[in-house]
Amino acid sequence: MKLYLWGGIILVFTSLFFSVINYREYVVERDGVVVDMQIAKMPEKCKGIRLSRYAQFYFEGKTYTKQVKSTFCEHHRLGETVALKYLPEVDFVMFPSETVAPAFYLLALSLAAGIYGVVVYFRRR
């Protein structure tokens, strides 16, 4: 039975933690301005099953790192400009088509499951 309690508590705190992070991304999605950023560094490997491909973008004297898809290298070259959403006080950027809404739905479901686990534990006690 303690599995319900501890699992629920872990789910609740994890959901709340990631909600704060996703809220920052939501603010960039909502209030960010689309600007053209220059590609400063391409991913080392674009082909294969590598999961973490990062490109660096340069804008107004600052470099931003962004995870990109494997097709990024096929469509873009070093030095080219790419449209990205940008908010001056935030240290990351987003593609204009990116959205964080699905992550909020998943976090809400996780939060509800955590609360359910805690409630089940105390009701059966």
Protein backbone atom coordinates (compact mmCIF):
# COMPACT_ATOMS: atom_id res chain seq x y z
CA MET A 1 0.00 0.00 0.00
CA LYS A 2 2.89 2.37 0.61
CA LEU A 3 3.59 2.13 -3.10
CA TYR A 4 0.45 4.21 -3.71
CA LEU A 5 1.59 6.84 -1.23
CA TRP A 6 5.21 7.17 -2.36
CA GLY A 7 4.40 6.74 -6.04
CA GLY A 8 1.72 9.41 -5.74
CA ILE A 9 3.99 11.81 -3.91
CA ILE A 10 6.76 11.34 -6.47
CA LEU A 11 4.32 11.87 -9.35
CA VAL A 12 2.90 15.04 -7.77
CA PHE A 13 6.29 16.64 -7.13
CA THR A 14 7.71 15.58 -10.49
CA SER A 15 4.66 16.98 -12.28
CA LEU A 16 4.90 20.28 -10.43
CA PHE A 17 8.64 20.55 -11.13
CA PHE A 18 8.24 19.98 -14.87
CA SER A 19 5.21 22.28 -14.99
CA VAL A 20 7.43 25.17 -13.93
CA ILE A 21 9.92 24.35 -16.69
CA ASN A 22 7.18 23.97 -19.30
CA TYR A 23 5.58 27.22 -18.21
CA ARG A 24 8.79 29.04 -19.16
CA GLU A 25 8.57 27.42 -22.59
CA TYR A 26 4.91 28.39 -22.82
CA VAL A 27 5.82 32.04 -22.13
CA VAL A 28 8.28 31.95 -25.04
CA GLU A 29 5.63 30.31 -27.23
CA ARG A 30 3.01 32.91 -26.25
CA ASP A 31 5.07 36.12 -26.00
CA GLY A 32 8.13 35.33 -28.10
CA VAL A 33 9.02 37.24 -31.23
CA VAL A 34 10.01 35.42 -34.40
CA VAL A 35 13.48 36.54 -35.48
CA ASP A 36 16.05 35.28 -37.96
CA MET A 37 19.01 33.67 -36.21
CA GLN A 38 22.22 32.60 -37.88
CA ILE A 39 23.30 28.97 -37.57
CA ALA A 40 26.61 29.09 -35.68
CA LYS A 41 27.21 25.35 -35.31
CA MET A 42 25.61 22.32 -36.91
CA PRO A 43 25.12 18.99 -35.12
CA GLU A 44 28.17 16.73 -35.30
CA LYS A 45 26.16 13.81 -36.66
CA CYS A 46 22.78 14.09 -38.30
CA LYS A 47 22.45 10.60 -39.72
CA GLY A 48 21.77 7.49 -37.68
CA ILE A 49 19.83 6.83 -34.52
CA ARG A 50 21.49 9.45 -32.38
CA LEU A 51 18.86 10.97 -30.12
CA SER A 52 20.48 14.23 -29.10
CA ARG A 53 21.31 16.50 -32.00
CA TYR A 54 22.01 20.10 -31.05
CA ALA A 55 22.62 23.11 -33.24
CA GLN A 56 23.80 26.51 -32.06
CA PHE A 57 22.26 29.76 -33.24
CA TYR A 58 23.71 33.26 -32.98
CA PHE A 59 21.62 36.38 -32.42
CA GLU A 60 22.59 39.83 -31.09
CA GLY A 61 25.88 38.69 -29.61
CA LYS A 62 24.47 35.66 -27.81
CA THR A 63 24.57 31.96 -28.71
CA TYR A 64 21.54 29.71 -28.16
CA THR A 65 21.59 25.90 -28.25
CA LYS A 66 18.56 24.07 -29.61
CA GLN A 67 17.79 20.39 -30.14
CA VAL A 68 16.99 19.71 -33.80
CA LYS A 69 15.63 16.82 -35.85
CA SER A 70 17.77 14.58 -38.04
CA THR A 71 16.44 16.29 -41.19
CA PHE A 72 17.81 19.66 -40.05
CA CYS A 73 21.19 19.05 -41.72
CA GLU A 74 19.52 18.16 -45.01
CA HIS A 75 17.62 21.45 -45.18
CA HIS A 76 20.07 23.94 -43.62
CA ARG A 77 23.74 24.91 -43.85
CA LEU A 78 26.20 26.62 -41.51
CA GLY A 79 25.84 30.41 -41.66
CA GLU A 80 22.26 30.29 -42.94
CA THR A 81 19.51 32.15 -41.10
CA VAL A 82 16.57 30.32 -39.54
CA ALA A 83 13.36 31.74 -38.06
CA LEU A 84 13.13 31.06 -34.29
CA LYS A 85 10.96 32.39 -31.47
CA TYR A 86 12.96 34.44 -29.04
CA LEU A 87 12.31 36.25 -25.78
CA PRO A 88 15.16 38.50 -24.57
CA GLU A 89 15.06 37.51 -20.88
CA VAL A 90 14.95 33.75 -21.53
CA ASP A 91 18.00 31.63 -22.37
CA PHE A 92 16.40 29.29 -24.94
CA VAL A 93 14.62 29.55 -28.29
CA MET A 94 11.84 27.64 -30.03
CA PHE A 95 10.85 26.96 -33.61
CA PRO A 96 7.73 28.94 -34.59
CA SER A 97 5.75 25.72 -35.11
CA GLU A 98 6.71 24.22 -31.72
CA THR A 99 4.08 23.95 -29.01
CA VAL A 100 4.18 22.84 -25.38
CA ALA A 101 0.44 22.11 -25.03
CA PRO A 102 0.81 18.29 -25.24
CA ALA A 103 3.36 18.38 -22.42
CA PHE A 104 0.89 20.25 -20.20
CA TYR A 105 -1.77 17.61 -20.88
CA LEU A 106 0.65 14.84 -19.95
CA LEU A 107 1.73 16.68 -16.79
CA ALA A 108 -1.91 17.23 -15.76
CA LEU A 109 -2.59 13.52 -16.24
CA SER A 110 0.50 12.65 -14.20
CA LEU A 111 -0.54 15.07 -11.45
CA ALA A 112 -4.02 13.56 -11.34
CA ALA A 113 -2.56 10.03 -11.13
CA GLY A 114 -0.31 11.12 -8.26
CA ILE A 115 -3.17 12.67 -6.34
CA TYR A 116 -5.26 9.55 -6.99
CA GLY A 117 -2.49 7.35 -5.56
CA VAL A 118 -2.29 9.41 -2.36
CA VAL A 119 -6.09 9.42 -1.97
CA VAL A 120 -6.27 5.61 -2.48
CA TYR A 121 -3.61 5.12 0.17
CA PHE A 122 -5.46 7.18 2.80
CA ARG A 123 -8.89 5.75 1.97
CA ARG A 124 -7.72 2.14 2.39
CA ARG A 125 -5.82 2.87 5.54
